[in-house]
PDB file of all heavy atoms in Angstrom:
ATOM      1  N   ASP A   1     -64.696  53.428  15.641  1.00  0.00           N
ATOM      2  CA  ASP A   1     -65.272  53.601  14.308  1.00  0.00           C
ATOM      3  C   ASP A   1     -64.498  52.735  13.313  1.00  0.00           C
ATOM      4  O   ASP A   1     -64.596  51.519  13.367  1.00  0.00           O
ATOM      5  CB  ASP A   1     -65.243  55.079  13.936  1.00  0.00           C
ATOM      6  CG  ASP A   1     -66.011  55.403  12.674  1.00  0.00           C
ATOM      7  OD1 ASP A   1     -66.803  54.566  12.212  1.00  0.00           O
ATOM      8  OD2 ASP A   1     -65.828  56.513  12.140  1.00  0.00           O
ATOM      9  N   VAL A   2     -63.709  53.325  12.454  1.00  0.00           N
ATOM     10  CA  VAL A   2     -62.967  52.573  11.446  1.00  0.00           C
ATOM     11  C   VAL A   2     -61.497  52.489  11.831  1.00  0.00           C
ATOM     12  O   VAL A   2     -60.983  53.317  12.583  1.00  0.00           O
ATOM     13  CB  VAL A   2     -63.110  53.210  10.047  1.00  0.00           C
ATOM     14  CG1 VAL A   2     -64.528  53.056   9.544  1.00  0.00           C
ATOM     15  CG2 VAL A   2     -62.709  54.678  10.078  1.00  0.00           C
ATOM     16  N   THR A   3     -60.806  51.474  11.293  1.00  0.00           N
ATOM     17  CA  THR A   3     -59.392  51.271  11.606  1.00  0.00           C
ATOM     18  C   THR A   3     -58.614  50.948  10.339  1.00  0.00           C
ATOM     19  O   THR A   3     -59.187  50.613   9.297  1.00  0.00           O
ATOM     20  CB  THR A   3     -59.197  50.124  12.610  1.00  0.00           C
ATOM     21  OG1 THR A   3     -59.629  48.887  12.004  1.00  0.00           O
ATOM     22  CG2 THR A   3     -59.980  50.361  13.891  1.00  0.00           C
ATOM     23  N   GLY A   4     -57.292  51.022  10.444  1.00  0.00           N
ATOM     24  CA  GLY A   4     -56.420  50.644   9.334  1.00  0.00           C
ATOM     25  C   GLY A   4     -55.031  50.351   9.861  1.00  0.00           C
ATOM     26  O   GLY A   4     -54.709  50.656  11.012  1.00  0.00           O
ATOM     27  N   SER A   5     -54.203  49.755   9.027  1.00  0.00           N
ATOM     28  CA  SER A   5     -52.820  49.486   9.409  1.00  0.00           C
ATOM     29  C   SER A   5     -51.965  49.393   8.159  1.00  0.00           C
ATOM     30  O   SER A   5     -52.469  49.194   7.053  1.00  0.00           O
ATOM     31  CB  SER A   5     -52.709  48.190  10.219  1.00  0.00           C
ATOM     32  OG  SER A   5     -53.020  47.061   9.411  1.00  0.00           O
ATOM     33  N   SER A   6     -50.670  49.547   8.356  1.00  0.00           N
ATOM     34  CA  SER A   6     -49.744  49.445   7.230  1.00  0.00           C
ATOM     35  C   SER A   6     -48.378  49.062   7.758  1.00  0.00           C
ATOM     36  O   SER A   6     -48.106  49.163   8.954  1.00  0.00           O
ATOM     37  CB  SER A   6     -49.647  50.771   6.470  1.00  0.00           C
ATOM     38  OG  SER A   6     -49.096  51.773   7.305  1.00  0.00           O
ATOM     39  N   ALA A   7     -47.525  48.617   6.842  1.00  0.00           N
ATOM     40  CA  ALA A   7     -46.159  48.259   7.220  1.00  0.00           C
ATOM     41  C   ALA A   7     -45.288  48.234   5.982  1.00  0.00           C
ATOM     42  O   ALA A   7     -45.771  48.036   4.861  1.00  0.00           O
ATOM     43  CB  ALA A   7     -46.113  46.905   7.913  1.00  0.00           C
ATOM     44  N   ILE A   8     -44.017  48.461   6.185  1.00  0.00           N
ATOM     45  CA  ILE A   8     -43.007  48.301   5.147  1.00  0.00           C
ATOM     46  C   ILE A   8     -42.012  47.271   5.635  1.00  0.00           C
ATOM     47  O   ILE A   8     -41.359  47.469   6.666  1.00  0.00           O
ATOM     48  CB  ILE A   8     -42.292  49.630   4.829  1.00  0.00           C
ATOM     49  CG1 ILE A   8     -43.271  50.627   4.200  1.00  0.00           C
ATOM     50  CG2 ILE A   8     -41.113  49.391   3.884  1.00  0.00           C
ATOM     51  CD1 ILE A   8     -42.650  51.978   3.917  1.00  0.00           C
ATOM     52  N   THR A   9     -41.928  46.155   4.931  1.00  0.00           N
ATOM     53  CA  THR A   9     -41.008  45.102   5.347  1.00  0.00           C
ATOM     54  C   THR A   9     -39.646  45.228   4.678  1.00  0.00           C
ATOM     55  O   THR A   9     -38.656  44.711   5.182  1.00  0.00           O
ATOM     56  CB  THR A   9     -41.599  43.721   5.031  1.00  0.00           C
ATOM     57  OG1 THR A   9     -41.932  43.657   3.641  1.00  0.00           O
ATOM     58  CG2 THR A   9     -42.865  43.484   5.844  1.00  0.00           C
ATOM     59  N   ALA A  10     -39.600  45.923   3.535  1.00  0.00           N
ATOM     60  CA  ALA A  10     -38.317  46.228   2.899  1.00  0.00           C
ATOM     61  C   ALA A  10     -37.880  47.604   3.365  1.00  0.00           C
ATOM     62  O   ALA A  10     -38.687  48.523   3.464  1.00  0.00           O
ATOM     63  CB  ALA A  10     -38.459  46.209   1.384  1.00  0.00           C
ATOM     64  N   LYS A  11     -36.631  47.761   3.677  1.00  0.00           N
ATOM     65  CA  LYS A  11     -36.157  49.026   4.225  1.00  0.00           C
ATOM     66  C   LYS A  11     -36.317  50.160   3.212  1.00  0.00           C
ATOM     67  O   LYS A  11     -36.021  50.014   2.039  1.00  0.00           O
ATOM     68  CB  LYS A  11     -34.699  48.900   4.669  1.00  0.00           C
ATOM     69  CG  LYS A  11     -34.524  48.056   5.930  1.00  0.00           C
ATOM     70  CD  LYS A  11     -33.088  48.080   6.407  1.00  0.00           C
ATOM     71  CE  LYS A  11     -32.919  47.279   7.679  1.00  0.00           C
ATOM     72  NZ  LYS A  11     -33.657  47.892   8.816  1.00  0.00           N
ATOM     73  N   SER A  12     -36.796  51.309   3.708  1.00  0.00           N
ATOM     74  CA  SER A  12     -37.057  52.467   2.866  1.00  0.00           C
ATOM     75  C   SER A  12     -36.771  53.729   3.667  1.00  0.00           C
ATOM     76  O   SER A  12     -36.650  53.684   4.889  1.00  0.00           O
ATOM     77  CB  SER A  12     -38.518  52.455   2.393  1.00  0.00           C
ATOM     78  OG  SER A  12     -38.807  53.622   1.650  1.00  0.00           O
ATOM     79  N   THR A  13     -36.668  54.861   2.973  1.00  0.00           N
ATOM     80  CA  THR A  13     -36.432  56.141   3.646  1.00  0.00           C
ATOM     81  C   THR A  13     -37.698  56.974   3.775  1.00  0.00           C
ATOM     82  O   THR A  13     -37.699  57.987   4.458  1.00  0.00           O
ATOM     83  CB  THR A  13     -35.378  56.967   2.897  1.00  0.00           C
ATOM     84  OG1 THR A  13     -35.809  57.169   1.558  1.00  0.00           O
ATOM     85  CG2 THR A  13     -34.029  56.257   2.909  1.00  0.00           C
ATOM     86  N   VAL A  14     -38.783  56.588   3.117  1.00  0.00           N
ATOM     87  CA  VAL A  14     -40.035  57.338   3.189  1.00  0.00           C
ATOM     88  C   VAL A  14     -41.159  56.375   3.574  1.00  0.00           C
ATOM     89  O   VAL A  14     -41.282  55.301   3.004  1.00  0.00           O
ATOM     90  CB  VAL A  14     -40.366  58.024   1.852  1.00  0.00           C
ATOM     91  CG1 VAL A  14     -41.700  58.752   1.945  1.00  0.00           C
ATOM     92  CG2 VAL A  14     -39.258  58.995   1.470  1.00  0.00           C
ATOM     93  N   HIS A  15     -41.978  56.786   4.525  1.00  0.00           N
ATOM     94  CA  HIS A  15     -43.022  55.922   5.059  1.00  0.00           C
ATOM     95  C   HIS A  15     -44.324  56.694   5.202  1.00  0.00           C
ATOM     96  O   HIS A  15     -44.332  57.804   5.733  1.00  0.00           O
ATOM     97  CB  HIS A  15     -42.618  55.380   6.435  1.00  0.00           C
ATOM     98  CG  HIS A  15     -41.284  54.707   6.446  1.00  0.00           C
ATOM     99  ND1 HIS A  15     -41.144  53.343   6.403  1.00  0.00           N
ATOM    100  CD2 HIS A  15     -40.028  55.202   6.470  1.00  0.00           C
ATOM    101  CE1 HIS A  15     -39.861  53.027   6.408  1.00  0.00           C
ATOM    102  NE2 HIS A  15     -39.160  54.151   6.445  1.00  0.00           N
ATOM    103  N   SER A  16     -45.418  56.118   4.764  1.00  0.00           N
ATOM    104  CA  SER A  16     -46.730  56.713   4.999  1.00  0.00           C
ATOM    105  C   SER A  16     -47.689  55.623   5.435  1.00  0.00           C
ATOM    106  O   SER A  16     -47.588  54.479   4.999  1.00  0.00           O
ATOM    107  CB  SER A  16     -47.257  57.431   3.754  1.00  0.00           C
ATOM    108  OG  SER A  16     -47.378  56.538   2.674  1.00  0.00           O
ATOM    109  N   ALA A  17     -48.616  55.987   6.286  1.00  0.00           N
ATOM    110  CA  ALA A  17     -49.555  55.019   6.842  1.00  0.00           C
ATOM    111  C   ALA A  17     -50.844  55.011   6.036  1.00  0.00           C
ATOM    112  O   ALA A  17     -51.092  55.877   5.198  1.00  0.00           O
ATOM    113  CB  ALA A  17     -49.844  55.361   8.292  1.00  0.00           C
ATOM    114  N   SER A  18     -51.692  54.031   6.314  1.00  0.00           N
ATOM    115  CA  SER A  18     -52.951  53.899   5.592  1.00  0.00           C
ATOM    116  C   SER A  18     -53.904  55.039   5.939  1.00  0.00           C
ATOM    117  O   SER A  18     -53.843  55.613   7.030  1.00  0.00           O
ATOM    118  CB  SER A  18     -53.610  52.559   5.933  1.00  0.00           C
ATOM    119  OG  SER A  18     -53.882  52.486   7.314  1.00  0.00           O
ATOM    120  N   LYS A  19     -54.780  55.376   4.986  1.00  0.00           N
ATOM    121  CA  LYS A  19     -55.812  56.371   5.222  1.00  0.00           C
ATOM    122  C   LYS A  19     -57.077  55.670   5.717  1.00  0.00           C
ATOM    123  O   LYS A  19     -57.376  54.550   5.345  1.00  0.00           O
ATOM    124  CB  LYS A  19     -56.159  57.099   3.930  1.00  0.00           C
ATOM    125  CG  LYS A  19     -55.198  58.181   3.508  1.00  0.00           C
ATOM    126  CD  LYS A  19     -55.774  58.905   2.304  1.00  0.00           C
ATOM    127  CE  LYS A  19     -54.916  60.080   1.871  1.00  0.00           C
ATOM    128  NZ  LYS A  19     -55.524  60.806   0.739  1.00  0.00           N
ATOM    129  N   ILE A  20     -57.841  56.378   6.551  1.00  0.00           N
ATOM    130  CA  ILE A  20     -59.164  55.914   6.927  1.00  0.00           C
ATOM    131  C   ILE A  20     -60.134  57.076   6.799  1.00  0.00           C
ATOM    132  O   ILE A  20     -59.736  58.240   6.883  1.00  0.00           O
ATOM    133  CB  ILE A  20     -59.224  55.348   8.358  1.00  0.00           C
ATOM    134  CG1 ILE A  20     -58.812  56.388   9.391  1.00  0.00           C
ATOM    135  CG2 ILE A  20     -58.357  54.099   8.481  1.00  0.00           C
ATOM    136  CD1 ILE A  20     -59.006  55.925  10.836  1.00  0.00           C
ATOM    137  N   THR A  21     -61.386  56.772   6.580  1.00  0.00           N
ATOM    138  CA  THR A  21     -62.416  57.797   6.487  1.00  0.00           C
ATOM    139  C   THR A  21     -63.409  57.601   7.622  1.00  0.00           C
ATOM    140  O   THR A  21     -64.173  56.640   7.615  1.00  0.00           O
ATOM    141  CB  THR A  21     -63.165  57.718   5.139  1.00  0.00           C
ATOM    142  OG1 THR A  21     -62.226  57.833   4.074  1.00  0.00           O
ATOM    143  CG2 THR A  21     -64.194  58.834   5.034  1.00  0.00           C
ATOM    144  N   PRO A  22     -63.413  58.458   8.626  1.00  0.00           N
ATOM    145  CA  PRO A  22     -64.381  58.329   9.721  1.00  0.00           C
ATOM    146  C   PRO A  22     -65.810  58.390   9.193  1.00  0.00           C
ATOM    147  O   PRO A  22     -66.102  59.092   8.231  1.00  0.00           O
ATOM    148  CB  PRO A  22     -64.076  59.533  10.619  1.00  0.00           C
ATOM    149  CG  PRO A  22     -62.663  59.897  10.292  1.00  0.00           C
ATOM    150  CD  PRO A  22     -62.490  59.595   8.835  1.00  0.00           C
ATOM    151  N   SER A  23     -66.709  57.653   9.825  1.00  0.00           N
ATOM    152  CA  SER A  23     -68.098  57.601   9.369  1.00  0.00           C
ATOM    153  C   SER A  23     -68.936  58.736   9.944  1.00  0.00           C
ATOM    154  O   SER A  23     -70.101  58.886   9.580  1.00  0.00           O
ATOM    155  CB  SER A  23     -68.730  56.263   9.757  1.00  0.00           C
ATOM    156  OG  SER A  23     -68.790  56.133  11.165  1.00  0.00           O
ATOM    157  N   THR A  24     -68.351  59.530  10.827  1.00  0.00           N
ATOM    158  CA  THR A  24     -69.091  60.620  11.449  1.00  0.00           C
ATOM    159  C   THR A  24     -68.210  61.856  11.578  1.00  0.00           C
ATOM    160  O   THR A  24     -66.986  61.745  11.668  1.00  0.00           O
ATOM    161  CB  THR A  24     -69.603  60.201  12.842  1.00  0.00           C
ATOM    162  OG1 THR A  24     -70.350  61.280  13.412  1.00  0.00           O
ATOM    163  CG2 THR A  24     -68.453  59.846  13.768  1.00  0.00           C
ATOM    164  N   ALA A  25     -68.820  63.000  11.566  1.00  0.00           N
ATOM    165  CA  ALA A  25     -68.076  64.238  11.792  1.00  0.00           C
ATOM    166  C   ALA A  25     -67.604  64.305  13.237  1.00  0.00           C
ATOM    167  O   ALA A  25     -68.187  63.705  14.132  1.00  0.00           O
ATOM    168  CB  ALA A  25     -68.947  65.446  11.460  1.00  0.00           C
ATOM    169  N   ASP A  26     -66.536  65.034  13.444  1.00  0.00           N
ATOM    170  CA  ASP A  26     -65.988  65.276  14.777  1.00  0.00           C
ATOM    171  C   ASP A  26     -65.481  64.019  15.468  1.00  0.00           C
ATOM    172  O   ASP A  26     -65.440  63.950  16.703  1.00  0.00           O
ATOM    173  CB  ASP A  26     -67.011  65.982  15.674  1.00  0.00           C
ATOM    174  CG  ASP A  26     -67.415  67.334  15.120  1.00  0.00           C
ATOM    175  OD1 ASP A  26     -66.519  68.072  14.675  1.00  0.00           O
ATOM    176  OD2 ASP A  26     -68.610  67.635  15.104  1.00  0.00           O
ATOM    177  N   ALA A  27     -65.085  63.033  14.686  1.00  0.00           N
ATOM    178  CA  ALA A  27     -64.383  61.885  15.252  1.00  0.00           C
ATOM    179  C   ALA A  27     -62.939  62.285  15.535  1.00  0.00           C
ATOM    180  O   ALA A  27     -62.432  63.258  14.980  1.00  0.00           O
ATOM    181  CB  ALA A  27     -64.415  60.708  14.284  1.00  0.00           C
ATOM    182  N   VAL A  28     -62.283  61.544  16.419  1.00  0.00           N
ATOM    183  CA  VAL A  28     -60.867  61.765  16.646  1.00  0.00           C
ATOM    184  C   VAL A  28     -60.115  60.604  16.007  1.00  0.00           C
ATOM    185  O   VAL A  28     -60.495  59.444  16.135  1.00  0.00           O
ATOM    186  CB  VAL A  28     -60.530  61.893  18.155  1.00  0.00           C
ATOM    187  CG1 VAL A  28     -60.861  60.630  18.928  1.00  0.00           C
ATOM    188  CG2 VAL A  28     -59.069  62.251  18.352  1.00  0.00           C
ATOM    189  N   VAL A  29     -59.077  60.916  15.281  1.00  0.00           N
ATOM    190  CA  VAL A  29     -58.276  59.914  14.580  1.00  0.00           C
ATOM    191  C   VAL A  29     -56.915  59.822  15.260  1.00  0.00           C
ATOM    192  O   VAL A  29     -56.208  60.813  15.378  1.00  0.00           O
ATOM    193  CB  VAL A  29     -58.106  60.279  13.094  1.00  0.00           C
ATOM    194  CG1 VAL A  29     -57.258  59.229  12.386  1.00  0.00           C
ATOM    195  CG2 VAL A  29     -59.459  60.406  12.417  1.00  0.00           C
ATOM    196  N   ILE A  30     -56.578  58.630  15.715  1.00  0.00           N
ATOM    197  CA  ILE A  30     -55.348  58.426  16.475  1.00  0.00           C
ATOM    198  C   ILE A  30     -54.506  57.353  15.791  1.00  0.00           C
ATOM    199  O   ILE A  30     -55.024  56.300  15.414  1.00  0.00           O
ATOM    200  CB  ILE A  30     -55.656  58.008  17.924  1.00  0.00           C
ATOM    201  CG1 ILE A  30     -56.463  59.112  18.612  1.00  0.00           C
ATOM    202  CG2 ILE A  30     -54.378  57.725  18.705  1.00  0.00           C
ATOM    203  CD1 ILE A  30     -56.946  58.746  19.997  1.00  0.00           C
ATOM    204  N   ALA A  31     -53.236  57.625  15.620  1.00  0.00           N
ATOM    205  CA  ALA A  31     -52.331  56.678  14.972  1.00  0.00           C
ATOM    206  C   ALA A  31     -51.131  56.401  15.858  1.00  0.00           C
ATOM    207  O   ALA A  31     -50.651  57.283  16.575  1.00  0.00           O
ATOM    208  CB  ALA A  31     -51.856  57.213  13.624  1.00  0.00           C
ATOM    209  N   PHE A  32     -50.652  55.173  15.802  1.00  0.00           N
ATOM    210  CA  PHE A  32     -49.442  54.779  16.517  1.00  0.00           C
ATOM    211  C   PHE A  32     -48.484  54.210  15.485  1.00  0.00           C
ATOM    212  O   PHE A  32     -48.811  53.258  14.785  1.00  0.00           O
ATOM    213  CB  PHE A  32     -49.765  53.733  17.578  1.00  0.00           C
ATOM    214  CG  PHE A  32     -48.576  53.324  18.417  1.00  0.00           C
ATOM    215  CD1 PHE A  32     -48.235  54.042  19.549  1.00  0.00           C
ATOM    216  CD2 PHE A  32     -47.804  52.229  18.079  1.00  0.00           C
ATOM    217  CE1 PHE A  32     -47.149  53.674  20.323  1.00  0.00           C
ATOM    218  CE2 PHE A  32     -46.721  51.852  18.840  1.00  0.00           C
ATOM    219  CZ  PHE A  32     -46.391  52.576  19.970  1.00  0.00           C
TER     220      PHE A  32
END
């Protein structure tokens, strides 16, 4: 379905990844 990615190139202590909105109900969202 939909994908996203994110990165921090400057060192930090807090990290959050990009959000995605599935186009259908009951999709499975997997992040690495």
